[in-house]
Amino acid sequence: MKSLRIELRLWRQFVVLAEELHFGRAAARLHMTQPPLTQAIAGLEEALGVRLFDRTRRSVALTPAGAALLPEVRDLLARAQALPELARAAAAGELGRLRLAFVSTVGFELLPRWVRAFRQRWPQVALELIEATGDVQLELLSRGEVDAGMMLHSPGLMAPGLAQARVASEPLVAALPESHPLAAQQHPGLVALLDEPLVIFPRRILPTLHDAIFALYHAAGRAPLVAQEAIQMQTIVNLVSAGLGLAWVPQSVRQFQRPGVVYRSPRASRGRTVPACETSLVWHADAVSPALTHFIDFARAQGARQAE
């Protein structure tokens, strides 16, 4: 079928004539004379290959094809009229789509609160949320499949080549089986905890934090006894509940109340303390959309509030 290119002007003329059902009145509304309008409608019908109006000397009426077409054309014109404003809104970052990757720890507390607040401020920006570990997020960012990511890392350490804004800082706490003798203490000794089997994430997904945890053991003269590795924090906590060992998790994971697991902040020992962790929003500085600019500003403001 031959592709038709019909100007919006012709569709407006069709709608006005359909509303007036009189060439003279329609021409007056369109600020034109009657003969050009008659020619325009005839040309439109010829291009479509159907009659849109039945005409006599005394009357003009829509054909069934014209009546079926009328609401669709009205919708087309309304959407065309809205396009300039939509373009301005998109250029201002008030409209669009933002693809945001995040680590599971963010989903416990921070992310739900942020999504609600951001949507209230920018209701026409659609957030596409993708849960992914840090290594996967770096791949997605490199391929341009996400606009930004929220990653967990050791304080001050992040992947090179990315812009970043720290949005949260929190200590690590020990997740222990509820039945473990050390779980009876609100603040068990750090050295005693370091002697327990360890459930931890693979180094590849969180290298800086993995190294910080291992450095804690080595500084205390201990070699970590890794009982099991797992990728997701929920899985790690579930393995702790099964008695496989303890795990060092961000404090926000306390929100995940798994039966059989307790969370404890250990006492410092010989000046040694459990490392902290940070969450940062990261993105490529040369690929910032207007919507992402708003989210970056929003994230920085939220991070500043938490720091206060």
C-alpha atoms as a PDB file:
ATOM      1  CA  MET A   1       0.000   0.000   0.000  1.00  0.00           C
ATOM      2  CA  LYS A   2       1.305   3.434  -0.922  1.00  0.00           C
ATOM      3  CA  SER A   3       2.384   5.497   2.079  1.00  0.00           C
ATOM      4  CA  LEU A   4       0.267   8.624   2.548  1.00  0.00           C
ATOM      5  CA  ARG A   5       1.703  11.909   3.757  1.00  0.00           C
ATOM      6  CA  ILE A   6      -1.235  14.087   4.675  1.00  0.00           C
ATOM      7  CA  GLU A   7      -0.576  17.462   6.251  1.00  0.00           C
ATOM      8  CA  LEU A   8      -2.189  18.337   9.574  1.00  0.00           C
ATOM      9  CA  ARG A   9      -3.732  21.325   7.812  1.00  0.00           C
ATOM     10  CA  LEU A  10      -5.940  18.992   5.756  1.00  0.00           C
ATOM     11  CA  TRP A  11      -7.022  17.073   8.823  1.00  0.00           C
ATOM     12  CA  ARG A  12      -7.995  20.327  10.567  1.00  0.00           C
ATOM     13  CA  GLN A  13     -10.072  21.301   7.539  1.00  0.00           C
ATOM     14  CA  PHE A  14     -11.765  17.905   7.621  1.00  0.00           C
ATOM     15  CA  VAL A  15     -12.661  18.285  11.324  1.00  0.00           C
ATOM     16  CA  VAL A  16     -14.044  21.808  10.932  1.00  0.00           C
ATOM     17  CA  LEU A  17     -16.195  20.773   7.961  1.00  0.00           C
ATOM     18  CA  ALA A  18     -17.399  17.702   9.874  1.00  0.00           C
ATOM     19  CA  GLU A  19     -18.457  19.976  12.746  1.00  0.00           C
ATOM     20  CA  GLU A  20     -20.142  22.634  10.564  1.00  0.00           C
ATOM     21  CA  LEU A  21     -21.474  20.383   7.760  1.00  0.00           C
ATOM     22  CA  HIS A  22     -21.488  23.535   5.634  1.00  0.00           C
ATOM     23  CA  PHE A  23     -18.647  24.615   3.338  1.00  0.00           C
ATOM     24  CA  GLY A  24     -19.305  28.337   3.759  1.00  0.00           C
ATOM     25  CA  ARG A  25     -19.326  28.313   7.573  1.00  0.00           C
ATOM     26  CA  ALA A  26     -16.354  25.949   7.687  1.00  0.00           C
ATOM     27  CA  ALA A  27     -14.371  28.198   5.331  1.00  0.00           C
ATOM     28  CA  ALA A  28     -15.161  31.210   7.504  1.00  0.00           C
ATOM     29  CA  ARG A  29     -13.894  29.406  10.639  1.00  0.00           C
ATOM     30  CA  LEU A  30     -10.741  28.467   8.785  1.00  0.00           C
ATOM     31  CA  HIS A  31     -10.205  32.025   7.539  1.00  0.00           C
ATOM     32  CA  MET A  32     -10.238  30.958   3.888  1.00  0.00           C
ATOM     33  CA  THR A  33     -12.617  31.107   0.950  1.00  0.00           C
ATOM     34  CA  GLN A  34     -14.921  28.265   0.023  1.00  0.00           C
ATOM     35  CA  PRO A  35     -13.350  27.075  -3.294  1.00  0.00           C
ATOM     36  CA  PRO A  36      -9.927  26.192  -1.792  1.00  0.00           C
ATOM     37  CA  LEU A  37     -11.678  24.295   1.025  1.00  0.00           C
ATOM     38  CA  THR A  38     -13.763  22.354  -1.472  1.00  0.00           C
ATOM     39  CA  GLN A  39     -10.627  21.479  -3.427  1.00  0.00           C
ATOM     40  CA  ALA A  40      -8.738  20.492  -0.270  1.00  0.00           C
ATOM     41  CA  ILE A  41     -11.471  18.086   0.882  1.00  0.00           C
ATOM     42  CA  ALA A  42     -11.725  16.578  -2.585  1.00  0.00           C
ATOM     43  CA  GLY A  43      -7.945  16.083  -2.614  1.00  0.00           C
ATOM     44  CA  LEU A  44      -8.058  14.434   0.812  1.00  0.00           C
ATOM     45  CA  GLU A  45     -10.761  12.019  -0.317  1.00  0.00           C
ATOM     46  CA  GLU A  46      -8.783  11.207  -3.446  1.00  0.00           C
ATOM     47  CA  ALA A  47      -5.634  10.527  -1.421  1.00  0.00           C
ATOM     48  CA  LEU A  48      -7.532   8.244   0.973  1.00  0.00           C
ATOM     49  CA  GLY A  49      -9.521   6.550  -1.770  1.00  0.00           C
ATOM     50  CA  VAL A  50     -12.799   6.976   0.149  1.00  0.00           C
ATOM     51  CA  ARG A  51     -15.587   9.552   0.321  1.00  0.00           C
ATOM     52  CA  LEU A  52     -15.728  11.377   3.616  1.00  0.00           C
ATOM     53  CA  PHE A  53     -18.774  13.549   2.902  1.00  0.00           C
ATOM     54  CA  ASP A  54     -21.988  13.124   0.949  1.00  0.00           C
ATOM     55  CA  ARG A  55     -22.790  16.436  -0.751  1.00  0.00           C
ATOM     56  CA  THR A  56     -25.895  17.826  -2.347  1.00  0.00           C
ATOM     57  CA  ARG A  57     -26.704  21.411  -3.292  1.00  0.00           C
ATOM     58  CA  ARG A  58     -28.530  21.821   0.009  1.00  0.00           C
ATOM     59  CA  SER A  59     -26.659  19.610   2.482  1.00  0.00           C
ATOM     60  CA  VAL A  60     -23.349  18.113   3.541  1.00  0.00           C
ATOM     61  CA  ALA A  61     -23.252  14.914   5.613  1.00  0.00           C
ATOM     62  CA  LEU A  62     -20.533  12.634   6.887  1.00  0.00           C
ATOM     63  CA  THR A  63     -20.295   9.222   5.270  1.00  0.00           C
ATOM     64  CA  PRO A  64     -19.816   6.191   7.568  1.00  0.00           C
ATOM     65  CA  ALA A  65     -16.091   6.320   6.738  1.00  0.00           C
ATOM     66  CA  GLY A  66     -15.935  10.020   7.634  1.00  0.00           C
ATOM     67  CA  ALA A  67     -17.832   9.465  10.906  1.00  0.00           C
ATOM     68  CA  ALA A  68     -15.474   6.636  11.887  1.00  0.00           C
ATOM     69  CA  LEU A  69     -12.441   8.763  11.082  1.00  0.00           C
ATOM     70  CA  LEU A  70     -13.545  11.890  12.957  1.00  0.00           C
ATOM     71  CA  PRO A  71     -12.684  10.899  16.568  1.00  0.00           C
ATOM     72  CA  GLU A  72      -9.309   9.521  15.471  1.00  0.00           C
ATOM     73  CA  VAL A  73      -8.441  12.729  13.658  1.00  0.00           C
ATOM     74  CA  ARG A  74      -9.486  14.805  16.654  1.00  0.00           C
ATOM     75  CA  ASP A  75      -7.164  12.709  18.819  1.00  0.00           C
ATOM     76  CA  LEU A  76      -4.348  13.138  16.270  1.00  0.00           C
ATOM     77  CA  LEU A  77      -4.735  16.921  16.282  1.00  0.00           C
ATOM     78  CA  ALA A  78      -4.855  17.060  20.073  1.00  0.00           C
ATOM     79  CA  ARG A  79      -1.645  15.059  20.354  1.00  0.00           C
ATOM     80  CA  ALA A  80       0.032  17.170  17.678  1.00  0.00           C
ATOM     81  CA  GLN A  81      -0.942  20.321  19.560  1.00  0.00           C
ATOM     82  CA  ALA A  82       0.607  18.914  22.733  1.00  0.00           C
ATOM     83  CA  LEU A  83       3.944  18.073  21.089  1.00  0.00           C
ATOM     84  CA  PRO A  84       5.663  21.472  21.567  1.00  0.00           C
ATOM     85  CA  GLU A  85       4.914  21.470  25.278  1.00  0.00           C
ATOM     86  CA  LEU A  86       6.037  17.857  25.578  1.00  0.00           C
ATOM     87  CA  ALA A  87       9.286  18.736  23.834  1.00  0.00           C
ATOM     88  CA  ARG A  88       9.877  21.650  26.202  1.00  0.00           C
ATOM     89  CA  ALA A  89       9.082  19.429  29.210  1.00  0.00           C
ATOM     90  CA  ALA A  90      11.482  16.732  27.994  1.00  0.00           C
ATOM     91  CA  ALA A  91      14.240  19.285  27.397  1.00  0.00           C
ATOM     92  CA  ALA A  92      13.706  20.588  30.930  1.00  0.00           C
ATOM     93  CA  GLY A  93      13.850  17.080  32.407  1.00  0.00           C
ATOM     94  CA  GLU A  94      10.222  17.201  33.504  1.00  0.00           C
ATOM     95  CA  LEU A  95       9.241  14.343  31.219  1.00  0.00           C
ATOM     96  CA  GLY A  96      10.985  11.163  30.153  1.00  0.00           C
ATOM     97  CA  ARG A  97      12.382   7.888  31.415  1.00  0.00           C
ATOM     98  CA  LEU A  98      15.198   7.258  33.866  1.00  0.00           C
ATOM     99  CA  ARG A  99      16.787   3.804  34.087  1.00  0.00           C
ATOM    100  CA  LEU A 100      18.220   3.348  37.561  1.00  0.00           C
ATOM    101  CA  ALA A 101      20.140   0.288  38.764  1.00  0.00           C
ATOM    102  CA  PHE A 102      20.508  -0.386  42.474  1.00  0.00           C
ATOM    103  CA  VAL A 103      22.022  -2.879  44.890  1.00  0.00           C
ATOM    104  CA  SER A 104      19.678  -4.875  47.095  1.00  0.00           C
ATOM    105  CA  THR A 105      20.683  -3.060  50.300  1.00  0.00           C
ATOM    106  CA  VAL A 106      19.257   0.184  48.889  1.00  0.00           C
ATOM    107  CA  GLY A 107      15.889  -1.511  48.447  1.00  0.00           C
ATOM    108  CA  PHE A 108      15.408  -2.124  52.160  1.00  0.00           C
ATOM    109  CA  GLU A 109      14.884   1.469  53.224  1.00  0.00           C
ATOM    110  CA  LEU A 110      16.423   4.198  51.081  1.00  0.00           C
ATOM    111  CA  LEU A 111      15.017   3.417  47.642  1.00  0.00           C
ATOM    112  CA  PRO A 112      11.288   3.202  48.511  1.00  0.00           C
ATOM    113  CA  ARG A 113      11.486   6.568  50.275  1.00  0.00           C
ATOM    114  CA  TRP A 114      13.397   8.146  47.396  1.00  0.00           C
ATOM    115  CA  VAL A 115      11.076   6.838  44.690  1.00  0.00           C
ATOM    116  CA  ARG A 116       8.060   8.269  46.486  1.00  0.00           C
ATOM    117  CA  ALA A 117       9.684  11.680  46.993  1.00  0.00           C
ATOM    118  CA  PHE A 118      11.090  11.894  43.447  1.00  0.00           C
ATOM    119  CA  ARG A 119       7.766  10.944  41.853  1.00  0.00           C
ATOM    120  CA  GLN A 120       6.012  13.609  43.868  1.00  0.00           C
ATOM    121  CA  ARG A 121       8.474  16.190  42.539  1.00  0.00           C
ATOM    122  CA  TRP A 122       8.732  14.890  38.948  1.00  0.00           C
ATOM    123  CA  PRO A 123       5.550  12.882  38.293  1.00  0.00           C
ATOM    124  CA  GLN A 124       6.079  12.649  34.529  1.00  0.00           C
ATOM    125  CA  VAL A 125       9.542  11.078  34.755  1.00  0.00           C
ATOM    126  CA  ALA A 126       9.121   7.296  34.630  1.00  0.00           C
ATOM    127  CA  LEU A 127      11.616   5.453  36.833  1.00  0.00           C
ATOM    128  CA  GLU A 128      12.722   2.059  35.536  1.00  0.00           C
ATOM    129  CA  LEU A 129      14.305   0.231  38.483  1.00  0.00           C
ATOM    130  CA  ILE A 130      16.801  -2.584  37.879  1.00  0.00           C
ATOM    131  CA  GLU A 131      18.225  -4.526  40.822  1.00  0.00           C
ATOM    132  CA  ALA A 132      21.812  -5.543  40.084  1.00  0.00           C
ATOM    133  CA  THR A 133      25.089  -6.151  41.875  1.00  0.00           C
ATOM    134  CA  GLY A 134      27.909  -3.667  41.464  1.00  0.00           C
ATOM    135  CA  ASP A 135      29.793  -5.647  38.822  1.00  0.00           C
ATOM    136  CA  VAL A 136      26.645  -5.996  36.724  1.00  0.00           C
ATOM    137  CA  GLN A 137      25.877  -2.294  37.119  1.00  0.00           C
ATOM    138  CA  LEU A 138      29.295  -1.377  35.736  1.00  0.00           C
ATOM    139  CA  GLU A 139      28.595  -3.514  32.667  1.00  0.00           C
ATOM    140  CA  LEU A 140      25.151  -1.962  32.204  1.00  0.00           C
ATOM    141  CA  LEU A 141      26.619   1.532  32.474  1.00  0.00           C
ATOM    142  CA  SER A 142      29.366   0.747  29.967  1.00  0.00           C
ATOM    143  CA  ARG A 143      26.766  -0.514  27.460  1.00  0.00           C
ATOM    144  CA  GLY A 144      24.464   2.457  28.037  1.00  0.00           C
ATOM    145  CA  GLU A 145      21.661   0.194  29.278  1.00  0.00           C
ATOM    146  CA  VAL A 146      21.138   2.196  32.476  1.00  0.00           C
ATOM    147  CA  ASP A 147      21.466   5.919  33.122  1.00  0.00           C
ATOM    148  CA  ALA A 148      22.841   5.649  36.663  1.00  0.00           C
ATOM    149  CA  GLY A 149      23.470   3.131  39.399  1.00  0.00           C
ATOM    150  CA  MET A 150      23.400   3.047  43.168  1.00  0.00           C
ATOM    151  CA  MET A 151      26.397   1.030  44.356  1.00  0.00           C
ATOM    152  CA  LEU A 152      27.771  -0.131  47.678  1.00  0.00           C
ATOM    153  CA  HIS A 153      31.488   0.305  48.345  1.00  0.00           C
ATOM    154  CA  SER A 154      34.139   0.965  50.951  1.00  0.00           C
ATOM    155  CA  PRO A 155      34.384   4.629  52.053  1.00  0.00           C
ATOM    156  CA  GLY A 156      36.047   6.817  49.468  1.00  0.00           C
ATOM    157  CA  LEU A 157      36.636   4.011  46.971  1.00  0.00           C
ATOM    158  CA  MET A 158      34.736   3.744  43.703  1.00  0.00           C
ATOM    159  CA  ALA A 159      35.219   2.669  40.112  1.00  0.00           C
ATOM    160  CA  PRO A 160      37.412   5.097  38.114  1.00  0.00           C
ATOM    161  CA  GLY A 161      35.971   6.935  35.137  1.00  0.00           C
ATOM    162  CA  LEU A 162      32.564   7.495  36.719  1.00  0.00           C
ATOM    163  CA  ALA A 163      31.050  10.575  38.285  1.00  0.00           C
ATOM    164  CA  GLN A 164      29.601   9.881  41.692  1.00  0.00           C
ATOM    165  CA  ALA A 165      27.714  11.362  44.596  1.00  0.00           C
ATOM    166  CA  ARG A 166      27.754   9.732  48.009  1.00  0.00           C
ATOM    167  CA  VAL A 167      24.202   9.338  49.269  1.00  0.00           C
ATOM    168  CA  ALA A 168      24.539   7.196  52.403  1.00  0.00           C
ATOM    169  CA  SER A 169      27.090   5.962  54.915  1.00  0.00           C
ATOM    170  CA  GLU A 170      26.490   3.240  57.471  1.00  0.00           C
ATOM    171  CA  PRO A 171      28.401   0.775  59.647  1.00  0.00           C
ATOM    172  CA  LEU A 172      28.562  -2.949  59.085  1.00  0.00           C
ATOM    173  CA  VAL A 173      26.872  -5.131  61.679  1.00  0.00           C
ATOM    174  CA  ALA A 174      27.108  -8.838  62.374  1.00  0.00           C
ATOM    175  CA  ALA A 175      24.200 -11.047  61.352  1.00  0.00           C
ATOM    176  CA  LEU A 176      24.200 -14.062  63.672  1.00  0.00           C
ATOM    177  CA  PRO A 177      22.064 -17.184  64.057  1.00  0.00           C
ATOM    178  CA  GLU A 178      19.659 -16.468  66.892  1.00  0.00           C
ATOM    179  CA  SER A 179      20.704 -19.681  68.611  1.00  0.00           C
ATOM    180  CA  HIS A 180      24.406 -18.779  68.629  1.00  0.00           C
ATOM    181  CA  PRO A 181      25.865 -18.074  72.138  1.00  0.00           C
ATOM    182  CA  LEU A 182      27.247 -14.707  70.961  1.00  0.00           C
ATOM    183  CA  ALA A 183      23.736 -13.633  69.925  1.00  0.00           C
ATOM    184  CA  ALA A 184      22.804 -13.362  73.605  1.00  0.00           C
ATOM    185  CA  GLN A 185      25.108 -10.355  73.924  1.00  0.00           C
ATOM    186  CA  GLN A 186      23.955  -6.991  72.608  1.00  0.00           C
ATOM    187  CA  HIS A 187      27.563  -6.043  71.823  1.00  0.00           C
ATOM    188  CA  PRO A 188      29.677  -9.179  71.473  1.00  0.00           C
ATOM    189  CA  GLY A 189      33.445  -8.899  71.343  1.00  0.00           C
ATOM    190  CA  LEU A 190      34.906  -8.350  67.897  1.00  0.00           C
ATOM    191  CA  VAL A 191      37.677 -10.935  68.269  1.00  0.00           C
ATOM    192  CA  ALA A 192      35.203 -13.650  69.229  1.00  0.00           C
ATOM    193  CA  LEU A 193      33.142 -12.881  66.143  1.00  0.00           C
ATOM    194  CA  LEU A 194      36.189 -13.112  63.904  1.00  0.00           C
ATOM    195  CA  ASP A 195      36.662 -16.744  64.943  1.00  0.00           C
ATOM    196  CA  GLU A 196      33.281 -17.740  63.507  1.00  0.00           C
ATOM    197  CA  PRO A 197      32.675 -19.198  60.015  1.00  0.00           C
ATOM    198  CA  LEU A 198      31.891 -16.457  57.527  1.00  0.00           C
ATOM    199  CA  VAL A 199      29.097 -16.116  54.960  1.00  0.00           C
ATOM    200  CA  ILE A 200      30.099 -13.449  52.463  1.00  0.00           C
ATOM    201  CA  PHE A 201      29.542 -12.155  48.938  1.00  0.00           C
ATOM    202  CA  PRO A 202      32.065 -12.962  46.173  1.00  0.00           C
ATOM    203  CA  ARG A 203      34.835 -10.391  45.807  1.00  0.00           C
ATOM    204  CA  ARG A 204      33.955  -9.652  42.172  1.00  0.00           C
ATOM    205  CA  ILE A 205      30.625  -8.012  43.058  1.00  0.00           C
ATOM    206  CA  LEU A 206      31.928  -5.750  45.850  1.00  0.00           C
ATOM    207  CA  PRO A 207      35.730  -5.764  45.748  1.00  0.00           C
ATOM    208  CA  THR A 208      36.422  -2.725  47.949  1.00  0.00           C
ATOM    209  CA  LEU A 209      34.117  -3.849  50.766  1.00  0.00           C
ATOM    210  CA  HIS A 210      35.237  -7.474  50.472  1.00  0.00           C
ATOM    211  CA  ASP A 211      38.850  -6.342  50.850  1.00  0.00           C
ATOM    212  CA  ALA A 212      37.990  -4.125  53.838  1.00  0.00           C
ATOM    213  CA  ILE A 213      36.336  -7.053  55.651  1.00  0.00           C
ATOM    214  CA  PHE A 214      39.271  -9.363  54.948  1.00  0.00           C
ATOM    215  CA  ALA A 215      41.689  -6.634  56.101  1.00  0.00           C
ATOM    216  CA  LEU A 216      39.835  -6.553  59.432  1.00  0.00           C
ATOM    217  CA  TYR A 217      40.511 -10.272  59.919  1.00  0.00           C
ATOM    218  CA  HIS A 218      44.143 -10.029  58.874  1.00  0.00           C
ATOM    219  CA  ALA A 219      44.783  -7.065  61.197  1.00  0.00           C
ATOM    220  CA  ALA A 220      43.524  -9.228  64.070  1.00  0.00           C
ATOM    221  CA  GLY A 221      45.766 -12.101  63.008  1.00  0.00           C
ATOM    222  CA  ARG A 222      42.859 -14.164  61.734  1.00  0.00           C
ATOM    223  CA  ALA A 223      42.285 -15.907  58.416  1.00  0.00           C
ATOM    224  CA  PRO A 224      38.608 -15.680  57.389  1.00  0.00           C
ATOM    225  CA  LEU A 225      36.981 -19.105  57.408  1.00  0.00           C
ATOM    226  CA  VAL A 226      34.582 -18.707  54.490  1.00  0.00           C
ATOM    227  CA  ALA A 227      31.749 -21.185  54.938  1.00  0.00           C
ATOM    228  CA  GLN A 228      29.676 -20.032  51.951  1.00  0.00           C
ATOM    229  CA  GLU A 229      29.520 -17.300  49.344  1.00  0.00           C
ATOM    230  CA  ALA A 230      26.256 -15.806  48.058  1.00  0.00           C
ATOM    231  CA  ILE A 231      25.428 -12.812  45.899  1.00  0.00           C
ATOM    232  CA  GLN A 232      22.264 -11.271  47.340  1.00  0.00           C
ATOM    233  CA  MET A 233      22.096  -9.923  50.896  1.00  0.00           C
ATOM    234  CA  GLN A 234      18.758 -11.657  51.461  1.00  0.00           C
ATOM    235  CA  THR A 235      20.346 -14.976  50.540  1.00  0.00           C
ATOM    236  CA  ILE A 236      23.305 -14.301  52.823  1.00  0.00           C
ATOM    237  CA  VAL A 237      20.970 -13.610  55.746  1.00  0.00           C
ATOM    238  CA  ASN A 238      18.957 -16.739  54.945  1.00  0.00           C
ATOM    239  CA  LEU A 239      22.166 -18.792  55.058  1.00  0.00           C
ATOM    240  CA  VAL A 240      22.972 -17.265  58.442  1.00  0.00           C
ATOM    241  CA  SER A 241      19.537 -18.323  59.691  1.00  0.00           C
ATOM    242  CA  ALA A 242      20.411 -21.883  58.650  1.00  0.00           C
ATOM    243  CA  GLY A 243      23.430 -21.766  60.965  1.00  0.00           C
ATOM    244  CA  LEU A 244      26.185 -21.708  58.332  1.00  0.00           C
ATOM    245  CA  GLY A 245      28.009 -18.837  59.999  1.00  0.00           C
ATOM    246  CA  LEU A 246      27.891 -15.095  60.597  1.00  0.00           C
ATOM    247  CA  ALA A 247      27.828 -12.341  57.997  1.00  0.00           C
ATOM    248  CA  TRP A 248      28.917  -8.713  57.957  1.00  0.00           C
ATOM    249  CA  VAL A 249      26.082  -6.702  56.433  1.00  0.00           C
ATOM    250  CA  PRO A 250      25.214  -2.991  56.128  1.00  0.00           C
ATOM    251  CA  GLN A 251      23.133  -1.725  59.032  1.00  0.00           C
ATOM    252  CA  SER A 252      20.180  -1.094  56.686  1.00  0.00           C
ATOM    253  CA  VAL A 253      19.833  -4.864  56.241  1.00  0.00           C
ATOM    254  CA  ARG A 254      18.346  -4.908  59.752  1.00  0.00           C
ATOM    255  CA  GLN A 255      15.099  -4.062  57.967  1.00  0.00           C
ATOM    256  CA  PHE A 256      15.146  -7.646  56.642  1.00  0.00           C
ATOM    257  CA  GLN A 257      13.736  -9.412  59.689  1.00  0.00           C
ATOM    258  CA  ARG A 258      14.466 -13.048  58.914  1.00  0.00           C
ATOM    259  CA  PRO A 259      13.325 -15.462  61.650  1.00  0.00           C
ATOM    260  CA  GLY A 260      16.300 -17.067  63.316  1.00  0.00           C
ATOM    261  CA  VAL A 261      18.668 -14.135  62.704  1.00  0.00           C
ATOM    262  CA  VAL A 262      19.746 -11.306  64.997  1.00  0.00           C
ATOM    263  CA  TYR A 263      21.932  -8.291  64.214  1.00  0.00           C
ATOM    264  CA  ARG A 264      24.631  -7.145  66.600  1.00  0.00           C
ATOM    265  CA  SER A 265      27.096  -4.221  66.719  1.00  0.00           C
ATOM    266  CA  PRO A 266      30.365  -5.568  68.157  1.00  0.00           C
ATOM    267  CA  ARG A 267      32.585  -3.900  70.730  1.00  0.00           C
ATOM    268  CA  ALA A 268      35.823  -2.469  69.410  1.00  0.00           C
ATOM    269  CA  SER A 269      38.882  -4.505  70.342  1.00  0.00           C
ATOM    270  CA  ARG A 270      42.443  -3.168  70.616  1.00  0.00           C
ATOM    271  CA  GLY A 271      41.478  -0.130  68.573  1.00  0.00           C
ATOM    272  CA  ARG A 272      40.058  -2.237  65.784  1.00  0.00           C
ATOM    273  CA  THR A 273      36.563  -1.453  64.569  1.00  0.00           C
ATOM    274  CA  VAL A 274      34.317  -2.944  61.940  1.00  0.00           C
ATOM    275  CA  PRO A 275      34.603  -1.019  58.646  1.00  0.00           C
ATOM    276  CA  ALA A 276      31.804   1.178  57.410  1.00  0.00           C
ATOM    277  CA  CYS A 277      30.332   1.188  53.919  1.00  0.00           C
ATOM    278  CA  GLU A 278      28.973   3.856  51.615  1.00  0.00           C
ATOM    279  CA  THR A 279      26.327   3.969  48.924  1.00  0.00           C
ATOM    280  CA  SER A 280      26.955   6.234  45.950  1.00  0.00           C
ATOM    281  CA  LEU A 281      24.997   7.233  42.885  1.00  0.00           C
ATOM    282  CA  VAL A 282      27.292   6.765  39.875  1.00  0.00           C
ATOM    283  CA  TRP A 283      26.937   7.773  36.240  1.00  0.00           C
ATOM    284  CA  HIS A 284      28.915   8.658  33.123  1.00  0.00           C
ATOM    285  CA  ALA A 285      29.465  12.407  33.147  1.00  0.00           C
ATOM    286  CA  ASP A 286      29.270  12.607  29.352  1.00  0.00           C
ATOM    287  CA  ALA A 287      25.845  10.909  29.186  1.00  0.00           C
ATOM    288  CA  VAL A 288      23.639  13.036  31.414  1.00  0.00           C
ATOM    289  CA  SER A 289      20.060  13.651  30.332  1.00  0.00           C
ATOM    290  CA  PRO A 290      17.932  16.474  31.785  1.00  0.00           C
ATOM    291  CA  ALA A 291      15.932  13.921  33.812  1.00  0.00           C
ATOM    292  CA  LEU A 292      19.137  12.423  35.186  1.00  0.00           C
ATOM    293  CA  THR A 293      20.344  15.903  36.134  1.00  0.00           C
ATOM    294  CA  HIS A 294      17.232  16.299  38.290  1.00  0.00           C
ATOM    295  CA  PHE A 295      17.827  12.911  39.923  1.00  0.00           C
ATOM    296  CA  ILE A 296      21.483  13.704  40.622  1.00  0.00           C
ATOM    297  CA  ASP A 297      20.504  16.985  42.297  1.00  0.00           C
ATOM    298  CA  PHE A 298      17.780  15.145  44.211  1.00  0.00           C
ATOM    299  CA  ALA A 299      20.238  12.439  45.340  1.00  0.00           C
ATOM    300  CA  ARG A 300      22.793  14.999  46.491  1.00  0.00           C
ATOM    301  CA  ALA A 301      20.151  16.831  48.507  1.00  0.00           C
ATOM    302  CA  GLN A 302      18.980  13.588  50.104  1.00  0.00           C
ATOM    303  CA  GLY A 303      22.545  12.596  50.910  1.00  0.00           C
ATOM    304  CA  ALA A 304      23.197  15.979  52.514  1.00  0.00           C
ATOM    305  CA  ARG A 305      20.099  15.589  54.691  1.00  0.00           C
ATOM    306  CA  GLN A 306      21.262  12.189  55.892  1.00  0.00           C
ATOM    307  CA  ALA A 307      24.740  13.522  56.660  1.00  0.00           C
ATOM    308  CA  GLU A 308      23.186  16.260  58.794  1.00  0.00           C
END
